[in-house]
């Protein structure tokens, strides 16, 4: 299940694990304050080293 971030009226942020089909929260379950869902960017994958293709799928040279 995904983790959603919500921001309370006072500016504090909390996380909630919800099913993807659940309706967004309108009130904080702990304090009762109004909340809004915030979206955080997802970091792209970083490939380091000699390379995925070169080490795993490169065709081997024939020895003659």
PDB file of N, CA and C in Angstrom:
ATOM      1  N   UNK A   1       0.841  -1.175   0.000  1.00  0.00           N
ATOM      2  CA  UNK A   1       0.000   0.000   0.000  1.00  0.00           C
ATOM      3  C   UNK A   1       0.891   1.244   0.000  1.00  0.00           C
ATOM      4  N   UNK A   2       0.455   2.292  -0.689  1.00  0.00           N
ATOM      5  CA  UNK A   2       1.264   3.504  -0.753  1.00  0.00           C
ATOM      6  C   UNK A   2       1.236   4.307   0.545  1.00  0.00           C
ATOM      7  N   UNK A   3       2.259   5.102   0.725  1.00  0.00           N
ATOM      8  CA  UNK A   3       2.356   6.020   1.863  1.00  0.00           C
ATOM      9  C   UNK A   3       2.063   7.416   1.343  1.00  0.00           C
ATOM     10  N   UNK A   4       1.068   8.075   1.919  1.00  0.00           N
ATOM     11  CA  UNK A   4       0.691   9.422   1.511  1.00  0.00           C
ATOM     12  C   UNK A   4       1.120  10.418   2.574  1.00  0.00           C
ATOM     13  N   UNK A   5       1.529  11.609   2.125  1.00  0.00           N
ATOM     14  CA  UNK A   5       1.897  12.686   3.039  1.00  0.00           C
ATOM     15  C   UNK A   5       0.773  13.704   3.073  1.00  0.00           C
ATOM     16  N   UNK A   6       0.456  14.156   4.269  1.00  0.00           N
ATOM     17  CA  UNK A   6      -0.569  15.178   4.476  1.00  0.00           C
ATOM     18  C   UNK A   6       0.032  16.308   5.282  1.00  0.00           C
ATOM     19  N   UNK A   7      -0.473  17.525   5.028  1.00  0.00           N
ATOM     20  CA  UNK A   7      -0.023  18.697   5.781  1.00  0.00           C
ATOM     21  C   UNK A   7      -1.199  19.262   6.556  1.00  0.00           C
ATOM     22  N   UNK A   8      -0.979  19.464   7.865  1.00  0.00           N
ATOM     23  CA  UNK A   8      -2.017  20.044   8.723  1.00  0.00           C
ATOM     24  C   UNK A   8      -2.066  21.556   8.524  1.00  0.00           C
ATOM     25  N   UNK A   9      -3.111  22.187   9.050  1.00  0.00           N
ATOM     26  CA  UNK A   9      -3.254  23.646   8.964  1.00  0.00           C
ATOM     27  C   UNK A   9      -2.093  24.378   9.639  1.00  0.00           C
ATOM     28  N   UNK A  10      -1.507  23.766  10.670  1.00  0.00           N
ATOM     29  CA  UNK A  10      -0.399  24.429  11.369  1.00  0.00           C
ATOM     30  C   UNK A  10       0.944  24.243  10.664  1.00  0.00           C
ATOM     31  N   UNK A  11       0.960  23.513   9.523  1.00  0.00           N
ATOM     32  CA  UNK A  11       2.178  23.353   8.733  1.00  0.00           C
ATOM     33  C   UNK A  11       2.937  22.063   8.974  1.00  0.00           C
ATOM     34  N   UNK A  12       2.567  21.295   9.984  1.00  0.00           N
ATOM     35  CA  UNK A  12       3.262  20.040  10.241  1.00  0.00           C
ATOM     36  C   UNK A  12       2.819  18.985   9.229  1.00  0.00           C
ATOM     37  N   UNK A  13       3.717  18.063   8.947  1.00  0.00           N
ATOM     38  CA  UNK A  13       3.478  17.025   7.943  1.00  0.00           C
ATOM     39  C   UNK A  13       3.482  15.664   8.621  1.00  0.00           C
ATOM     40  N   UNK A  14       2.569  14.786   8.189  1.00  0.00           N
ATOM     41  CA  UNK A  14       2.550  13.418   8.695  1.00  0.00           C
ATOM     42  C   UNK A  14       2.267  12.471   7.546  1.00  0.00           C
ATOM     43  N   UNK A  15       2.564  11.201   7.751  1.00  0.00           N
ATOM     44  CA  UNK A  15       2.390  10.178   6.724  1.00  0.00           C
ATOM     45  C   UNK A  15       1.316   9.183   7.154  1.00  0.00           C
ATOM     46  N   UNK A  16       0.588   8.675   6.166  1.00  0.00           N
ATOM     47  CA  UNK A  16      -0.463   7.685   6.416  1.00  0.00           C
ATOM     48  C   UNK A  16      -0.354   6.604   5.350  1.00  0.00           C
ATOM     49  N   UNK A  17      -0.432   5.346   5.763  1.00  0.00           N
ATOM     50  CA  UNK A  17      -0.479   4.238   4.812  1.00  0.00           C
ATOM     51  C   UNK A  17      -1.948   3.981   4.499  1.00  0.00           C
ATOM     52  N   UNK A  18      -2.299   4.157   3.216  1.00  0.00           N
ATOM     53  CA  UNK A  18      -3.686   3.986   2.794  1.00  0.00           C
ATOM     54  C   UNK A  18      -3.739   3.109   1.556  1.00  0.00           C
ATOM     55  N   UNK A  19      -4.864   2.478   1.359  1.00  0.00           N
ATOM     56  CA  UNK A  19      -5.109   1.732   0.127  1.00  0.00           C
ATOM     57  C   UNK A  19      -5.260   2.747  -1.000  1.00  0.00           C
ATOM     58  N   UNK A  20      -4.870   2.383  -2.195  1.00  0.00           N
ATOM     59  CA  UNK A  20      -4.886   3.311  -3.322  1.00  0.00           C
ATOM     60  C   UNK A  20      -6.300   3.784  -3.663  1.00  0.00           C
ATOM     61  N   UNK A  21      -7.316   3.011  -3.325  1.00  0.00           N
ATOM     62  CA  UNK A  21      -8.696   3.370  -3.644  1.00  0.00           C
ATOM     63  C   UNK A  21      -9.389   4.121  -2.507  1.00  0.00           C
ATOM     64  N   UNK A  22      -8.723   4.310  -1.370  1.00  0.00           N
ATOM     65  CA  UNK A  22      -9.315   5.050  -0.260  1.00  0.00           C
ATOM     66  C   UNK A  22      -9.421   6.535  -0.604  1.00  0.00           C
ATOM     67  N   UNK A  23     -10.437   7.175  -0.091  1.00  0.00           N
ATOM     68  CA  UNK A  23     -10.599   8.620  -0.290  1.00  0.00           C
ATOM     69  C   UNK A  23      -9.536   9.365   0.518  1.00  0.00           C
ATOM     70  N   UNK A  24      -9.060  10.510   0.021  1.00  0.00           N
ATOM     71  CA  UNK A  24      -8.078  11.281   0.782  1.00  0.00           C
ATOM     72  C   UNK A  24      -8.670  11.764   2.107  1.00  0.00           C
ATOM     73  N   UNK A  25      -7.805  11.889   3.104  1.00  0.00           N
ATOM     74  CA  UNK A  25      -8.253  12.379   4.405  1.00  0.00           C
ATOM     75  C   UNK A  25      -8.619  13.850   4.309  1.00  0.00           C
ATOM     76  N   UNK A  26      -9.600  14.281   5.085  1.00  0.00           N
ATOM     77  CA  UNK A  26      -9.928  15.703   5.168  1.00  0.00           C
ATOM     78  C   UNK A  26      -9.583  16.250   6.548  1.00  0.00           C
ATOM     79  N   UNK A  27      -9.464  15.344   7.518  1.00  0.00           N
ATOM     80  CA  UNK A  27      -9.121  15.721   8.897  1.00  0.00           C
ATOM     81  C   UNK A  27      -8.011  14.816   9.408  1.00  0.00           C
ATOM     82  N   UNK A  28      -7.140  15.361  10.243  1.00  0.00           N
ATOM     83  CA  UNK A  28      -6.069  14.575  10.863  1.00  0.00           C
ATOM     84  C   UNK A  28      -6.687  13.618  11.872  1.00  0.00           C
ATOM     85  N   UNK A  29      -6.345  12.328  11.816  1.00  0.00           N
ATOM     86  CA  UNK A  29      -6.936  11.378  12.766  1.00  0.00           C
ATOM     87  C   UNK A  29      -6.488  11.613  14.207  1.00  0.00           C
ATOM     88  N   UNK A  30      -5.360  12.293  14.427  1.00  0.00           N
ATOM     89  CA  UNK A  30      -4.856  12.516  15.786  1.00  0.00           C
ATOM     90  C   UNK A  30      -5.335  13.831  16.390  1.00  0.00           C
ATOM     91  N   UNK A  31      -5.312  14.914  15.582  1.00  0.00           N
ATOM     92  CA  UNK A  31      -5.627  16.239  16.128  1.00  0.00           C
ATOM     93  C   UNK A  31      -6.974  16.785  15.682  1.00  0.00           C
ATOM     94  N   UNK A  32      -7.528  16.280  14.593  1.00  0.00           N
ATOM     95  CA  UNK A  32      -8.800  16.772  14.095  1.00  0.00           C
ATOM     96  C   UNK A  32      -8.676  18.017  13.222  1.00  0.00           C
ATOM     97  N   UNK A  33      -7.441  18.467  12.967  1.00  0.00           N
ATOM     98  CA  UNK A  33      -7.234  19.642  12.116  1.00  0.00           C
ATOM     99  C   UNK A  33      -7.516  19.292  10.659  1.00  0.00           C
ATOM    100  N   UNK A  34      -7.850  20.307   9.875  1.00  0.00           N
ATOM    101  CA  UNK A  34      -8.035  20.105   8.438  1.00  0.00           C
ATOM    102  C   UNK A  34      -6.677  19.807   7.807  1.00  0.00           C
ATOM    103  N   UNK A  35      -6.664  18.897   6.828  1.00  0.00           N
ATOM    104  CA  UNK A  35      -5.410  18.507   6.170  1.00  0.00           C
ATOM    105  C   UNK A  35      -5.586  18.531   4.663  1.00  0.00           C
ATOM    106  N   UNK A  36      -4.445  18.592   3.961  1.00  0.00           N
ATOM    107  CA  UNK A  36      -4.452  18.451   2.515  1.00  0.00           C
ATOM    108  C   UNK A  36      -3.312  17.528   2.139  1.00  0.00           C
ATOM    109  N   UNK A  37      -3.535  16.732   1.104  1.00  0.00           N
ATOM    110  CA  UNK A  37      -2.511  15.800   0.643  1.00  0.00           C
ATOM    111  C   UNK A  37      -1.460  16.578  -0.133  1.00  0.00           C
ATOM    112  N   UNK A  38      -0.192  16.282   0.130  1.00  0.00           N
ATOM    113  CA  UNK A  38       0.889  16.925  -0.608  1.00  0.00           C
ATOM    114  C   UNK A  38       1.615  15.865  -1.422  1.00  0.00           C
ATOM    115  N   UNK A  39       2.194  16.288  -2.519  1.00  0.00           N
ATOM    116  CA  UNK A  39       2.893  15.381  -3.412  1.00  0.00           C
ATOM    117  C   UNK A  39       4.370  15.703  -3.390  1.00  0.00           C
ATOM    118  N   UNK A  40       5.189  14.680  -3.222  1.00  0.00           N
ATOM    119  CA  UNK A  40       6.637  14.827  -3.213  1.00  0.00           C
ATOM    120  C   UNK A  40       7.193  14.198  -4.483  1.00  0.00           C
ATOM    121  N   UNK A  41       8.188  14.837  -5.089  1.00  0.00           N
ATOM    122  CA  UNK A  41       8.770  14.238  -6.294  1.00  0.00           C
ATOM    123  C   UNK A  41       9.512  12.949  -5.963  1.00  0.00           C
ATOM    124  N   UNK A  42       9.519  12.050  -6.913  1.00  0.00           N
ATOM    125  CA  UNK A  42      10.217  10.781  -6.749  1.00  0.00           C
ATOM    126  C   UNK A  42      11.601  10.919  -7.364  1.00  0.00           C
ATOM    127  N   UNK A  43      12.610  10.474  -6.656  1.00  0.00           N
ATOM    128  CA  UNK A  43      13.975  10.564  -7.162  1.00  0.00           C
ATOM    129  C   UNK A  43      14.190   9.565  -8.288  1.00  0.00           C
ATOM    130  N   UNK A  44      14.837   9.988  -9.363  1.00  0.00           N
ATOM    131  CA  UNK A  44      15.104   9.051 -10.465  1.00  0.00           C
ATOM    132  C   UNK A  44      16.186   8.049 -10.066  1.00  0.00           C
ATOM    133  N   UNK A  45      16.201   6.888 -10.695  1.00  0.00           N
ATOM    134  CA  UNK A  45      17.254   5.914 -10.371  1.00  0.00           C
ATOM    135  C   UNK A  45      18.619   6.427 -10.837  1.00  0.00           C
ATOM    136  N   UNK A  46      19.633   6.089 -10.092  1.00  0.00           N
ATOM    137  CA  UNK A  46      20.991   6.503 -10.426  1.00  0.00           C
ATOM    138  C   UNK A  46      21.805   5.254 -10.715  1.00  0.00           C
ATOM    139  N   UNK A  47      22.357   5.187 -11.912  1.00  0.00           N
ATOM    140  CA  UNK A  47      23.161   4.052 -12.310  1.00  0.00           C
ATOM    141  C   UNK A  47      24.631   4.434 -12.197  1.00  0.00           C
ATOM    142  N   UNK A  48      25.377   3.715 -11.392  1.00  0.00           N
ATOM    143  CA  UNK A  48      26.792   3.988 -11.199  1.00  0.00           C
ATOM    144  C   UNK A  48      27.601   2.766 -11.605  1.00  0.00           C
ATOM    145  N   UNK A  49      28.862   2.960 -11.835  1.00  0.00           N
ATOM    146  CA  UNK A  49      29.718   1.836 -12.150  1.00  0.00           C
ATOM    147  C   UNK A  49      29.979   1.723 -13.636  1.00  0.00           C
ATOM    148  N   UNK A  50      30.388   0.531 -14.041  1.00  0.00           N
ATOM    149  CA  UNK A  50      30.796   0.328 -15.421  1.00  0.00           C
ATOM    150  C   UNK A  50      29.615   0.182 -16.368  1.00  0.00           C
ATOM    151  N   UNK A  51      28.425   0.040 -15.865  1.00  0.00           N
ATOM    152  CA  UNK A  51      27.246   0.003 -16.715  1.00  0.00           C
ATOM    153  C   UNK A  51      26.540  -1.330 -16.695  1.00  0.00           C
ATOM    154  N   UNK A  52      25.237  -1.284 -16.697  1.00  0.00           N
ATOM    155  CA  UNK A  52      24.404  -2.482 -16.665  1.00  0.00           C
ATOM    156  C   UNK A  52      24.574  -3.274 -17.954  1.00  0.00           C
ATOM    157  N   UNK A  53      24.495  -2.606 -19.083  1.00  0.00           N
ATOM    158  CA  UNK A  53      24.561  -3.290 -20.363  1.00  0.00           C
ATOM    159  C   UNK A  53      25.923  -3.942 -20.565  1.00  0.00           C
ATOM    160  N   UNK A  54      26.975  -3.237 -20.280  1.00  0.00           N
ATOM    161  CA  UNK A  54      28.315  -3.751 -20.548  1.00  0.00           C
ATOM    162  C   UNK A  54      28.661  -4.960 -19.684  1.00  0.00           C
ATOM    163  N   UNK A  55      28.171  -4.991 -18.488  1.00  0.00           N
ATOM    164  CA  UNK A  55      28.546  -6.089 -17.595  1.00  0.00           C
ATOM    165  C   UNK A  55      27.610  -7.288 -17.681  1.00  0.00           C
ATOM    166  N   UNK A  56      26.377  -7.087 -18.118  1.00  0.00           N
ATOM    167  CA  UNK A  56      25.408  -8.180 -18.072  1.00  0.00           C
ATOM    168  C   UNK A  56      24.983  -8.716 -19.435  1.00  0.00           C
ATOM    169  N   UNK A  57      24.869  -7.886 -20.429  1.00  0.00           N
ATOM    170  CA  UNK A  57      24.317  -8.335 -21.698  1.00  0.00           C
ATOM    171  C   UNK A  57      25.245  -8.146 -22.898  1.00  0.00           C
ATOM    172  N   UNK A  58      26.448  -7.773 -22.664  1.00  0.00           N
ATOM    173  CA  UNK A  58      27.362  -7.559 -23.772  1.00  0.00           C
ATOM    174  C   UNK A  58      27.744  -8.907 -24.392  1.00  0.00           C
ATOM    175  N   UNK A  59      27.756  -8.955 -25.732  1.00  0.00           N
ATOM    176  CA  UNK A  59      28.144 -10.186 -26.410  1.00  0.00           C
ATOM    177  C   UNK A  59      29.638 -10.428 -26.214  1.00  0.00           C
ATOM    178  N   UNK A  60      29.955 -11.665 -25.935  1.00  0.00           N
ATOM    179  CA  UNK A  60      31.361 -12.017 -25.718  1.00  0.00           C
ATOM    180  C   UNK A  60      32.060 -12.182 -27.066  1.00  0.00           C
ATOM    181  N   UNK A  61      33.283 -11.700 -27.132  1.00  0.00           N
ATOM    182  CA  UNK A  61      34.065 -11.839 -28.364  1.00  0.00           C
ATOM    183  C   UNK A  61      34.500 -13.294 -28.528  1.00  0.00           C
ATOM    184  N   UNK A  62      34.494 -13.737 -29.755  1.00  0.00           N
ATOM    185  CA  UNK A  62      34.937 -15.099 -30.044  1.00  0.00           C
ATOM    186  C   UNK A  62      36.452 -15.163 -29.997  1.00  0.00           C
ATOM    187  N   UNK A  63      36.923 -16.193 -29.413  1.00  0.00           N
ATOM    188  CA  UNK A  63      38.367 -16.406 -29.408  1.00  0.00           C
ATOM    189  C   UNK A  63      38.731 -17.245 -30.617  1.00  0.00           C
ATOM    190  N   UNK A  64      39.643 -16.753 -31.445  1.00  0.00           N
ATOM    191  CA  UNK A  64      40.003 -17.482 -32.680  1.00  0.00           C
ATOM    192  C   UNK A  64      41.355 -18.110 -32.558  1.00  0.00           C
TER     193      UNK A  64
END
